[in-house]
Full PDB file with SEQRES, HELIX, SHEET, SSBOND, CRYST1, ORIGX, SCALE, CONECT and MASTER records, all heavy atoms in Angstrom:
SEQRES   1 A   32  PRO GLU ALA THR ARG ALA ALA ILE ALA ALA ALA PRO ASP          
SEQRES   2 A   32  ALA THR ILE PRO GLU GLY MET ASN ILE LEU GLN ALA LEU          
SEQRES   3 A   32  SER ASP GLU VAL ARG SER                                      
HELIX    1 AA1 GLU A    2  ALA A   10  1                                   9    
HELIX    2 AA2 ILE A   22  ARG A   31  1                                  10    
CRYST1    1.000    1.000    1.000  90.00  90.00  90.00 P 1           1          
ORIGX1      1.000000  0.000000  0.000000        0.00000                         
ORIGX2      0.000000  1.000000  0.000000        0.00000                         
ORIGX3      0.000000  0.000000  1.000000        0.00000                         
SCALE1      1.000000  0.000000  0.000000        0.00000                         
SCALE2      0.000000  1.000000  0.000000        0.00000                         
SCALE3      0.000000  0.000000  1.000000        0.00000                         
ATOM      1  N   PRO A   1     101.482  -7.413 110.262  1.00  0.00           N  
ATOM      2  CA  PRO A   1     102.377  -6.620 111.117  1.00  0.00           C  
ATOM      3  C   PRO A   1     103.858  -6.854 110.815  1.00  0.00           C  
ATOM      4  O   PRO A   1     104.647  -5.908 110.828  1.00  0.00           O  
ATOM      5  CB  PRO A   1     102.017  -7.089 112.532  1.00  0.00           C  
ATOM      6  CG  PRO A   1     100.599  -7.524 112.429  1.00  0.00           C  
ATOM      7  CD  PRO A   1     100.482  -8.146 111.069  1.00  0.00           C  
ATOM      8  N   GLU A   2     104.226  -8.099 110.491  1.00  0.00           N  
ATOM      9  CA  GLU A   2     105.622  -8.383 110.145  1.00  0.00           C  
ATOM     10  C   GLU A   2     106.009  -7.699 108.837  1.00  0.00           C  
ATOM     11  O   GLU A   2     107.097  -7.113 108.723  1.00  0.00           O  
ATOM     12  CB  GLU A   2     105.836  -9.889 110.048  1.00  0.00           C  
ATOM     13  CG  GLU A   2     105.831 -10.599 111.399  1.00  0.00           C  
ATOM     14  CD  GLU A   2     105.913 -12.105 111.264  1.00  0.00           C  
ATOM     15  OE1 GLU A   2     106.001 -12.603 110.111  1.00  0.00           O  
ATOM     16  OE2 GLU A   2     105.888 -12.794 112.301  1.00  0.00           O  
ATOM     17  N   ALA A   3     105.137  -7.763 107.845  1.00  0.00           N  
ATOM     18  CA  ALA A   3     105.419  -7.094 106.572  1.00  0.00           C  
ATOM     19  C   ALA A   3     105.492  -5.588 106.761  1.00  0.00           C  
ATOM     20  O   ALA A   3     106.323  -4.907 106.148  1.00  0.00           O  
ATOM     21  CB  ALA A   3     104.329  -7.451 105.549  1.00  0.00           C  
ATOM     22  N   THR A   4     104.629  -5.056 107.616  1.00  0.00           N  
ATOM     23  CA  THR A   4     104.638  -3.621 107.899  1.00  0.00           C  
ATOM     24  C   THR A   4     105.940  -3.205 108.554  1.00  0.00           C  
ATOM     25  O   THR A   4     106.544  -2.192 108.163  1.00  0.00           O  
ATOM     26  CB  THR A   4     103.445  -3.256 108.809  1.00  0.00           C  
ATOM     27  OG1 THR A   4     102.225  -3.568 108.128  1.00  0.00           O  
ATOM     28  CG2 THR A   4     103.455  -1.768 109.154  1.00  0.00           C  
ATOM     29  N   ARG A   5     106.391  -3.968 109.545  1.00  0.00           N  
ATOM     30  CA  ARG A   5     107.652  -3.641 110.214  1.00  0.00           C  
ATOM     31  C   ARG A   5     108.818  -3.680 109.231  1.00  0.00           C  
ATOM     32  O   ARG A   5     109.703  -2.812 109.257  1.00  0.00           O  
ATOM     33  CB  ARG A   5     107.896  -4.602 111.375  1.00  0.00           C  
ATOM     34  CG  ARG A   5     106.991  -4.351 112.587  1.00  0.00           C  
ATOM     35  CD  ARG A   5     107.465  -5.118 113.799  1.00  0.00           C  
ATOM     36  NE  ARG A   5     107.294  -6.553 113.651  1.00  0.00           N  
ATOM     37  CZ  ARG A   5     106.194  -7.219 113.996  1.00  0.00           C  
ATOM     38  NH1 ARG A   5     105.155  -6.575 114.499  1.00  0.00           N  
ATOM     39  NH2 ARG A   5     106.118  -8.538 113.838  1.00  0.00           N  
ATOM     40  N   ALA A   6     108.816  -4.687 108.349  1.00  0.00           N  
ATOM     41  CA  ALA A   6     109.892  -4.786 107.360  1.00  0.00           C  
ATOM     42  C   ALA A   6     109.869  -3.607 106.393  1.00  0.00           C  
ATOM     43  O   ALA A   6     110.923  -3.069 106.022  1.00  0.00           O  
ATOM     44  CB  ALA A   6     109.763  -6.099 106.597  1.00  0.00           C  
ATOM     45  N   ALA A   7     108.673  -3.196 105.986  1.00  0.00           N  
ATOM     46  CA  ALA A   7     108.556  -2.068 105.059  1.00  0.00           C  
ATOM     47  C   ALA A   7     108.941  -0.752 105.716  1.00  0.00           C  
ATOM     48  O   ALA A   7     109.534   0.122 105.075  1.00  0.00           O  
ATOM     49  CB  ALA A   7     107.135  -1.993 104.518  1.00  0.00           C  
ATOM     50  N   ILE A   8     108.623  -0.598 106.987  1.00  0.00           N  
ATOM     51  CA  ILE A   8     109.035   0.616 107.715  1.00  0.00           C  
ATOM     52  C   ILE A   8     110.547   0.651 107.851  1.00  0.00           C  
ATOM     53  O   ILE A   8     111.193   1.693 107.634  1.00  0.00           O  
ATOM     54  CB  ILE A   8     108.348   0.669 109.091  1.00  0.00           C  
ATOM     55  CG1 ILE A   8     106.846   0.931 108.920  1.00  0.00           C  
ATOM     56  CG2 ILE A   8     108.973   1.745 109.978  1.00  0.00           C  
ATOM     57  CD1 ILE A   8     106.045   0.826 110.201  1.00  0.00           C  
ATOM     58  N   ALA A   9     111.157  -0.483 108.173  1.00  0.00           N  
ATOM     59  CA  ALA A   9     112.613  -0.546 108.315  1.00  0.00           C  
ATOM     60  C   ALA A   9     113.323  -0.293 106.993  1.00  0.00           C  
ATOM     61  O   ALA A   9     114.435   0.237 106.962  1.00  0.00           O  
ATOM     62  CB  ALA A   9     113.012  -1.911 108.869  1.00  0.00           C  
ATOM     63  N   ALA A  10     112.663  -0.653 105.880  1.00  0.00           N  
ATOM     64  CA  ALA A  10     113.280  -0.470 104.561  1.00  0.00           C  
ATOM     65  C   ALA A  10     113.346   0.994 104.151  1.00  0.00           C  
ATOM     66  O   ALA A  10     114.180   1.373 103.317  1.00  0.00           O  
ATOM     67  CB  ALA A  10     112.491  -1.262 103.522  1.00  0.00           C  
ATOM     68  N   ALA A  11     112.473   1.827 104.703  1.00  0.00           N  
ATOM     69  CA  ALA A  11     112.448   3.267 104.390  1.00  0.00           C  
ATOM     70  C   ALA A  11     112.171   4.026 105.679  1.00  0.00           C  
ATOM     71  O   ALA A  11     111.094   4.622 105.834  1.00  0.00           O  
ATOM     72  CB  ALA A  11     111.402   3.566 103.327  1.00  0.00           C  
ATOM     73  N   PRO A  12     113.119   4.026 106.618  1.00  0.00           N  
ATOM     74  CA  PRO A  12     112.853   4.576 107.958  1.00  0.00           C  
ATOM     75  C   PRO A  12     112.579   6.073 107.985  1.00  0.00           C  
ATOM     76  O   PRO A  12     111.976   6.570 108.940  1.00  0.00           O  
ATOM     77  CB  PRO A  12     114.130   4.229 108.736  1.00  0.00           C  
ATOM     78  CG  PRO A  12     115.184   4.051 107.681  1.00  0.00           C  
ATOM     79  CD  PRO A  12     114.478   3.482 106.497  1.00  0.00           C  
ATOM     80  N   ASP A  13     113.013   6.788 106.961  1.00  0.00           N  
ATOM     81  CA  ASP A  13     112.800   8.240 106.950  1.00  0.00           C  
ATOM     82  C   ASP A  13     111.466   8.648 106.332  1.00  0.00           C  
ATOM     83  O   ASP A  13     111.105   9.820 106.348  1.00  0.00           O  
ATOM     84  CB  ASP A  13     113.945   8.931 106.194  1.00  0.00           C  
ATOM     85  CG  ASP A  13     115.283   8.757 106.891  1.00  0.00           C  
ATOM     86  OD1 ASP A  13     115.293   8.638 108.130  1.00  0.00           O  
ATOM     87  OD2 ASP A  13     116.318   8.726 106.199  1.00  0.00           O  
ATOM     88  N   ALA A  14     110.748   7.677 105.771  1.00  0.00           N  
ATOM     89  CA  ALA A  14     109.452   7.966 105.152  1.00  0.00           C  
ATOM     90  C   ALA A  14     108.356   7.816 106.204  1.00  0.00           C  
ATOM     91  O   ALA A  14     108.197   6.745 106.792  1.00  0.00           O  
ATOM     92  CB  ALA A  14     109.201   7.024 103.976  1.00  0.00           C  
ATOM     93  N   THR A  15     107.612   8.873 106.431  1.00  0.00           N  
ATOM     94  CA  THR A  15     106.583   8.883 107.462  1.00  0.00           C  
ATOM     95  C   THR A  15     105.264   8.359 106.915  1.00  0.00           C  
ATOM     96  O   THR A  15     104.828   8.748 105.830  1.00  0.00           O  
ATOM     97  CB  THR A  15     106.375  10.303 108.003  1.00  0.00           C  
ATOM     98  OG1 THR A  15     107.619  10.795 108.506  1.00  0.00           O  
ATOM     99  CG2 THR A  15     105.338  10.323 109.115  1.00  0.00           C  
ATOM    100  N   ILE A  16     104.621   7.502 107.680  1.00  0.00           N  
ATOM    101  CA  ILE A  16     103.294   7.003 107.311  1.00  0.00           C  
ATOM    102  C   ILE A  16     102.257   7.890 107.991  1.00  0.00           C  
ATOM    103  O   ILE A  16     102.212   7.966 109.221  1.00  0.00           O  
ATOM    104  CB  ILE A  16     103.107   5.545 107.753  1.00  0.00           C  
ATOM    105  CG1 ILE A  16     104.151   4.654 107.085  1.00  0.00           C  
ATOM    106  CG2 ILE A  16     101.691   5.061 107.402  1.00  0.00           C  
ATOM    107  CD1 ILE A  16     104.109   3.223 107.550  1.00  0.00           C  
ATOM    108  N   PRO A  17     101.435   8.589 107.219  1.00  0.00           N  
ATOM    109  CA  PRO A  17     100.424   9.471 107.824  1.00  0.00           C  
ATOM    110  C   PRO A  17      99.479   8.713 108.742  1.00  0.00           C  
ATOM    111  O   PRO A  17      99.190   7.535 108.526  1.00  0.00           O  
ATOM    112  CB  PRO A  17      99.683  10.057 106.615  1.00  0.00           C  
ATOM    113  CG  PRO A  17     100.660   9.947 105.485  1.00  0.00           C  
ATOM    114  CD  PRO A  17     101.421   8.672 105.752  1.00  0.00           C  
ATOM    115  N   GLU A  18      99.004   9.390 109.751  1.00  0.00           N  
ATOM    116  CA  GLU A  18      98.091   8.790 110.710  1.00  0.00           C  
ATOM    117  C   GLU A  18      96.827   8.281 110.003  1.00  0.00           C  
ATOM    118  O   GLU A  18      96.271   8.956 109.142  1.00  0.00           O  
ATOM    119  CB  GLU A  18      97.701   9.807 111.775  1.00  0.00           C  
ATOM    120  CG  GLU A  18      96.835   9.241 112.884  1.00  0.00           C  
ATOM    121  CD  GLU A  18      96.540  10.255 113.973  1.00  0.00           C  
ATOM    122  OE1 GLU A  18      97.080  11.389 113.889  1.00  0.00           O  
ATOM    123  OE2 GLU A  18      95.769   9.928 114.885  1.00  0.00           O  
ATOM    124  N   GLY A  19      96.403   7.092 110.360  1.00  0.00           N  
ATOM    125  CA  GLY A  19      95.193   6.515 109.798  1.00  0.00           C  
ATOM    126  C   GLY A  19      95.406   5.702 108.542  1.00  0.00           C  
ATOM    127  O   GLY A  19      94.466   5.084 108.047  1.00  0.00           O  
ATOM    128  N   MET A  20      96.644   5.674 108.006  1.00  0.00           N  
ATOM    129  CA  MET A  20      96.928   4.927 106.786  1.00  0.00           C  
ATOM    130  C   MET A  20      97.686   3.654 107.107  1.00  0.00           C  
ATOM    131  O   MET A  20      98.508   3.617 108.017  1.00  0.00           O  
ATOM    132  CB  MET A  20      97.741   5.789 105.804  1.00  0.00           C  
ATOM    133  CG  MET A  20      96.936   6.887 105.154  1.00  0.00           C  
ATOM    134  SD  MET A  20      97.941   8.048 104.169  1.00  0.00           S  
ATOM    135  CE  MET A  20      98.687   6.958 102.976  1.00  0.00           C  
ATOM    136  N   ASN A  21      97.414   2.588 106.340  1.00  0.00           N  
ATOM    137  CA  ASN A  21      98.186   1.361 106.494  1.00  0.00           C  
ATOM    138  C   ASN A  21      99.359   1.359 105.516  1.00  0.00           C  
ATOM    139  O   ASN A  21      99.493   2.257 104.677  1.00  0.00           O  
ATOM    140  CB  ASN A  21      97.291   0.125 106.334  1.00  0.00           C  
ATOM    141  CG  ASN A  21      96.696  -0.010 104.938  1.00  0.00           C  
ATOM    142  OD1 ASN A  21      97.392   0.052 103.926  1.00  0.00           O  
ATOM    143  ND2 ASN A  21      95.376  -0.193 104.872  1.00  0.00           N  
ATOM    144  N   ILE A  22     100.204   0.361 105.613  1.00  0.00           N  
ATOM    145  CA  ILE A  22     101.451   0.358 104.859  1.00  0.00           C  
ATOM    146  C   ILE A  22     101.217   0.257 103.350  1.00  0.00           C  
ATOM    147  O   ILE A  22     101.965   0.836 102.552  1.00  0.00           O  
ATOM    148  CB  ILE A  22     102.388  -0.768 105.352  1.00  0.00           C  
ATOM    149  CG1 ILE A  22     103.799  -0.592 104.803  1.00  0.00           C  
ATOM    150  CG2 ILE A  22     101.813  -2.139 105.008  1.00  0.00           C  
ATOM    151  CD1 ILE A  22     104.506   0.652 105.279  1.00  0.00           C  
ATOM    152  N   LEU A  23     100.177  -0.469 102.919  1.00  0.00           N  
ATOM    153  CA  LEU A  23      99.900  -0.577 101.491  1.00  0.00           C  
ATOM    154  C   LEU A  23      99.382   0.741 100.926  1.00  0.00           C  
ATOM    155  O   LEU A  23      99.737   1.136  99.806  1.00  0.00           O  
ATOM    156  CB  LEU A  23      98.893  -1.702 101.236  1.00  0.00           C  
ATOM    157  CG  LEU A  23      99.415  -3.116 101.498  1.00  0.00           C  
ATOM    158  CD1 LEU A  23      98.264  -4.110 101.504  1.00  0.00           C  
ATOM    159  CD2 LEU A  23     100.457  -3.516 100.469  1.00  0.00           C  
ATOM    160  N   GLN A  24      98.564   1.426 101.699  1.00  0.00           N  
ATOM    161  CA  GLN A  24      98.109   2.753 101.289  1.00  0.00           C  
ATOM    162  C   GLN A  24      99.291   3.720 101.217  1.00  0.00           C  
ATOM    163  O   GLN A  24      99.386   4.533 100.287  1.00  0.00           O  
ATOM    164  CB  GLN A  24      97.072   3.279 102.271  1.00  0.00           C  
ATOM    165  CG  GLN A  24      95.765   2.527 102.279  1.00  0.00           C  
ATOM    166  CD  GLN A  24      94.864   2.974 103.407  1.00  0.00           C  
ATOM    167  OE1 GLN A  24      95.314   3.331 104.491  1.00  0.00           O  
ATOM    168  NE2 GLN A  24      93.554   2.957 103.165  1.00  0.00           N  
ATOM    169  N   ALA A  25     100.183   3.631 102.189  1.00  0.00           N  
ATOM    170  CA  ALA A  25     101.356   4.509 102.199  1.00  0.00           C  
ATOM    171  C   ALA A  25     102.218   4.284 100.960  1.00  0.00           C  
ATOM    172  O   ALA A  25     102.724   5.231 100.354  1.00  0.00           O  
ATOM    173  CB  ALA A  25     102.180   4.282 103.465  1.00  0.00           C  
ATOM    174  N   LEU A  26     102.368   3.016 100.560  1.00  0.00           N  
ATOM    175  CA  LEU A  26     103.139   2.706  99.357  1.00  0.00           C  
ATOM    176  C   LEU A  26     102.528   3.373  98.133  1.00  0.00           C  
ATOM    177  O   LEU A  26     103.231   3.988  97.314  1.00  0.00           O  
ATOM    178  CB  LEU A  26     103.210   1.192  99.160  1.00  0.00           C  
ATOM    179  CG  LEU A  26     103.943   0.707  97.916  1.00  0.00           C  
ATOM    180  CD1 LEU A  26     105.439   0.986  98.037  1.00  0.00           C  
ATOM    181  CD2 LEU A  26     103.701  -0.791  97.700  1.00  0.00           C  
ATOM    182  N   SER A  27     101.207   3.268  97.985  1.00  0.00           N  
ATOM    183  CA  SER A  27     100.533   3.902  96.857  1.00  0.00           C  
ATOM    184  C   SER A  27     100.712   5.413  96.871  1.00  0.00           C  
ATOM    185  O   SER A  27     100.968   6.039  95.837  1.00  0.00           O  
ATOM    186  CB  SER A  27      99.026   3.561  96.881  1.00  0.00           C  
ATOM    187  OG  SER A  27      98.812   2.196  96.632  1.00  0.00           O  
ATOM    188  N   ASP A  28     100.586   5.997  98.049  1.00  0.00           N  
ATOM    189  CA  ASP A  28     100.724   7.447  98.197  1.00  0.00           C  
ATOM    190  C   ASP A  28     102.145   7.896  97.885  1.00  0.00           C  
ATOM    191  O   ASP A  28     102.360   8.926  97.237  1.00  0.00           O  
ATOM    192  CB  ASP A  28     100.330   7.847  99.616  1.00  0.00           C  
ATOM    193  CG  ASP A  28     100.076   9.340  99.755  1.00  0.00           C  
ATOM    194  OD1 ASP A  28      99.258   9.877  98.986  1.00  0.00           O  
ATOM    195  OD2 ASP A  28     100.690   9.969 100.632  1.00  0.00           O  
ATOM    196  N   GLU A  29     103.127   7.121  98.323  1.00  0.00           N  
ATOM    197  CA  GLU A  29     104.530   7.489  98.118  1.00  0.00           C  
ATOM    198  C   GLU A  29     104.933   7.406  96.653  1.00  0.00           C  
ATOM    199  O   GLU A  29     105.636   8.287  96.146  1.00  0.00           O  
ATOM    200  CB  GLU A  29     105.415   6.589  98.984  1.00  0.00           C  
ATOM    201  CG  GLU A  29     105.336   6.925 100.464  1.00  0.00           C  
ATOM    202  CD  GLU A  29     105.798   5.815 101.381  1.00  0.00           C  
ATOM    203  OE1 GLU A  29     106.211   4.742 100.874  1.00  0.00           O  
ATOM    204  OE2 GLU A  29     105.741   6.005 102.614  1.00  0.00           O  
ATOM    205  N   VAL A  30     104.486   6.366  95.958  1.00  0.00           N  
ATOM    206  CA  VAL A  30     104.869   6.257  94.550  1.00  0.00           C  
ATOM    207  C   VAL A  30     104.181   7.339  93.729  1.00  0.00           C  
ATOM    208  O   VAL A  30     104.757   7.885  92.773  1.00  0.00           O  
ATOM    209  CB  VAL A  30     104.579   4.849  93.994  1.00  0.00           C  
ATOM    210  CG1 VAL A  30     103.093   4.604  93.789  1.00  0.00           C  
ATOM    211  CG2 VAL A  30     105.321   4.613  92.687  1.00  0.00           C  
ATOM    212  N   ARG A  31     102.964   7.702  94.107  1.00  0.00           N  
ATOM    213  CA  ARG A  31     102.247   8.744  93.385  1.00  0.00           C  
ATOM    214  C   ARG A  31     102.928  10.103  93.537  1.00  0.00           C  
ATOM    215  O   ARG A  31     102.858  10.952  92.637  1.00  0.00           O  
ATOM    216  CB  ARG A  31     100.802   8.816  93.873  1.00  0.00           C  
ATOM    217  CG  ARG A  31      99.923   9.773  93.064  1.00  0.00           C  
ATOM    218  CD  ARG A  31      98.505   9.835  93.591  1.00  0.00           C  
ATOM    219  NE  ARG A  31      97.795   8.582  93.395  1.00  0.00           N  
ATOM    220  CZ  ARG A  31      97.528   7.698  94.348  1.00  0.00           C  
ATOM    221  NH1 ARG A  31      97.889   7.950  95.599  1.00  0.00           N  
ATOM    222  NH2 ARG A  31      96.887   6.586  94.086  1.00  0.00           N  
ATOM    223  N   SER A  32     103.589  10.325  94.661  1.00  0.00           N  
ATOM    224  CA  SER A  32     104.182  11.630  94.938  1.00  0.00           C  
ATOM    225  C   SER A  32     105.626  11.767  94.461  1.00  0.00           C  
ATOM    226  O   SER A  32     106.259  12.799  94.701  1.00  0.00           O  
ATOM    227  CB  SER A  32     104.128  11.907  96.448  1.00  0.00           C  
ATOM    228  OG  SER A  32     105.004  11.043  97.158  1.00  0.00           O  
TER     229      SER A  32                                                      
MASTER        0    0    0    2    0    0    0    6  228    1    0    3          
END                                                                             
């Protein structure tokens, strides 16, 4: 949860889709 909060704060305008965790979001974001 601490790493997730830090990662969200680092890119506050990037939305994490519902049902995805922060590591999945990172993979999805770099792919796009």
